[in-house]
């Protein structure tokens, strides 16, 4: 059974940095698509940064230049380095992974709170 476990969330002041990790287990194969989404209070879940089918990266405009996604295929782990954090980045961050173009599996999420 595939499991995705996120870690690294927490409370940080505006301008600070955090690094999220998502470790996948239960799959013999690396996922085609893997990355991060977030959901702020009262808002829909939105894409933050993902590795797409074919290995390209896709970032939300709001995080370009501040967030960097990376991946360790040997560990089946994806990371999200978040710099210059803003209060509007406050959300629950979810890791997703899938075979093909979409996400088939989701983690339980990790809360990131950015204080002003």
Protein backbone atom coordinates (compact mmCIF):
# COMPACT_ATOMS: atom_id res chain seq x y z
CA UNK A 1 0.00 0.00 0.00
CA UNK A 2 1.42 3.35 -1.04
CA UNK A 3 1.93 5.90 1.71
CA UNK A 4 3.16 9.47 1.47
CA UNK A 5 4.42 11.08 4.64
CA UNK A 6 5.12 14.80 4.75
CA UNK A 7 7.35 16.52 7.27
CA UNK A 8 9.00 19.87 7.83
CA UNK A 9 6.06 22.15 8.38
CA UNK A 10 5.90 24.62 11.22
CA UNK A 11 5.70 28.25 12.26
CA UNK A 12 8.05 30.74 10.66
CA UNK A 13 8.25 34.51 10.44
CA UNK A 14 7.71 36.30 7.17
CA UNK A 15 10.90 36.26 5.14
CA UNK A 16 12.00 32.99 6.66
CA UNK A 17 12.55 29.57 5.13
CA UNK A 18 11.30 26.03 5.56
CA UNK A 19 12.04 22.78 3.78
CA UNK A 20 9.32 20.21 3.38
CA UNK A 21 9.95 16.55 2.71
CA UNK A 22 7.65 13.85 1.40
CA UNK A 23 8.76 10.24 1.66
CA UNK A 24 6.90 7.61 -0.35
CA UNK A 25 6.71 3.98 0.61
CA UNK A 26 4.94 0.91 -0.69
CA UNK A 27 5.80 1.37 -4.36
CA UNK A 28 8.40 -0.56 -6.30
CA UNK A 29 8.50 2.13 -8.94
CA UNK A 30 9.21 5.83 -8.96
CA UNK A 31 6.15 7.92 -9.60
CA UNK A 32 5.72 9.71 -12.91
CA UNK A 33 4.20 12.74 -11.25
CA UNK A 34 5.07 13.91 -7.76
CA UNK A 35 4.94 17.17 -5.94
CA UNK A 36 3.21 19.65 -3.70
CA UNK A 37 -0.19 21.24 -3.41
CA UNK A 38 -1.55 23.48 -0.67
CA UNK A 39 -4.87 24.47 0.79
CA UNK A 40 -5.37 27.67 2.72
CA UNK A 41 -8.36 28.17 5.04
CA UNK A 42 -11.50 28.72 3.02
CA UNK A 43 -9.77 28.11 -0.30
CA UNK A 44 -9.48 25.27 -2.75
CA UNK A 45 -6.43 23.07 -2.96
CA UNK A 46 -3.95 24.51 -5.44
CA UNK A 47 -0.80 23.37 -7.16
CA UNK A 48 2.44 24.67 -5.68
CA UNK A 49 5.20 22.77 -7.47
CA UNK A 50 5.33 19.39 -9.14
CA UNK A 51 7.44 17.13 -11.28
CA UNK A 52 5.34 16.32 -14.29
CA UNK A 53 5.30 13.27 -16.53
CA UNK A 54 8.58 13.53 -18.42
CA UNK A 55 10.49 15.03 -15.52
CA UNK A 56 9.73 18.71 -16.02
CA UNK A 57 8.85 21.01 -13.16
CA UNK A 58 5.78 23.18 -12.92
CA UNK A 59 5.42 25.99 -10.39
CA UNK A 60 2.56 28.22 -9.38
CA UNK A 61 3.24 31.81 -10.42
CA UNK A 62 2.93 32.92 -6.81
CA UNK A 63 5.95 30.84 -5.72
CA UNK A 64 8.26 31.15 -8.70
CA UNK A 65 11.66 32.40 -7.63
CA UNK A 66 10.97 31.61 -3.97
CA UNK A 67 10.26 27.86 -3.86
CA UNK A 68 12.33 25.06 -5.32
CA UNK A 69 11.20 21.46 -5.77
CA UNK A 70 13.73 18.66 -5.84
CA UNK A 71 13.62 14.91 -5.88
CA UNK A 72 15.69 11.97 -4.69
CA UNK A 73 14.73 9.02 -6.87
CA UNK A 74 16.75 6.55 -4.80
CA UNK A 75 14.80 7.50 -1.67
CA UNK A 76 11.51 8.06 -3.52
CA UNK A 77 11.34 11.41 -1.76
CA UNK A 78 10.42 14.87 -2.95
CA UNK A 79 11.38 18.12 -1.25
CA UNK A 80 10.16 21.68 -1.30
CA UNK A 81 12.58 24.41 -0.28
CA UNK A 82 10.58 27.50 0.57
CA UNK A 83 12.37 30.83 0.91
CA UNK A 84 11.12 34.38 1.43
CA UNK A 85 7.93 33.06 2.94
CA UNK A 86 4.92 35.35 3.10
CA UNK A 87 1.85 35.26 5.35
CA UNK A 88 -0.22 34.32 2.30
CA UNK A 89 1.80 31.11 2.03
CA UNK A 90 0.08 29.89 5.21
CA UNK A 91 -1.66 26.63 4.34
CA UNK A 92 -1.68 22.90 4.75
CA UNK A 93 0.80 21.53 2.25
CA UNK A 94 0.00 18.16 0.71
CA UNK A 95 2.26 15.80 -1.14
CA UNK A 96 0.81 13.99 -4.11
CA UNK A 97 2.12 11.26 -6.37
CA UNK A 98 0.87 9.31 -9.32
CA UNK A 99 1.53 7.12 -12.31
CA UNK A 100 0.74 9.02 -15.45
CA UNK A 101 -0.38 12.62 -15.54
CA UNK A 102 -2.46 12.86 -12.40
CA UNK A 103 -2.09 12.30 -8.69
CA UNK A 104 -3.22 8.91 -7.46
CA UNK A 105 -2.05 9.20 -3.87
CA UNK A 106 -2.00 11.94 -1.23
CA UNK A 107 -0.33 12.47 2.09
CA UNK A 108 -2.15 13.75 5.15
CA UNK A 109 -0.55 17.18 4.92
CA UNK A 110 1.76 19.35 6.96
CA UNK A 111 0.82 22.79 8.25
CA UNK A 112 2.92 25.80 7.35
CA UNK A 113 2.15 29.01 9.22
CA UNK A 114 3.88 32.25 8.29
CA UNK A 115 3.52 35.07 10.78
CA UNK A 116 3.75 38.72 9.79
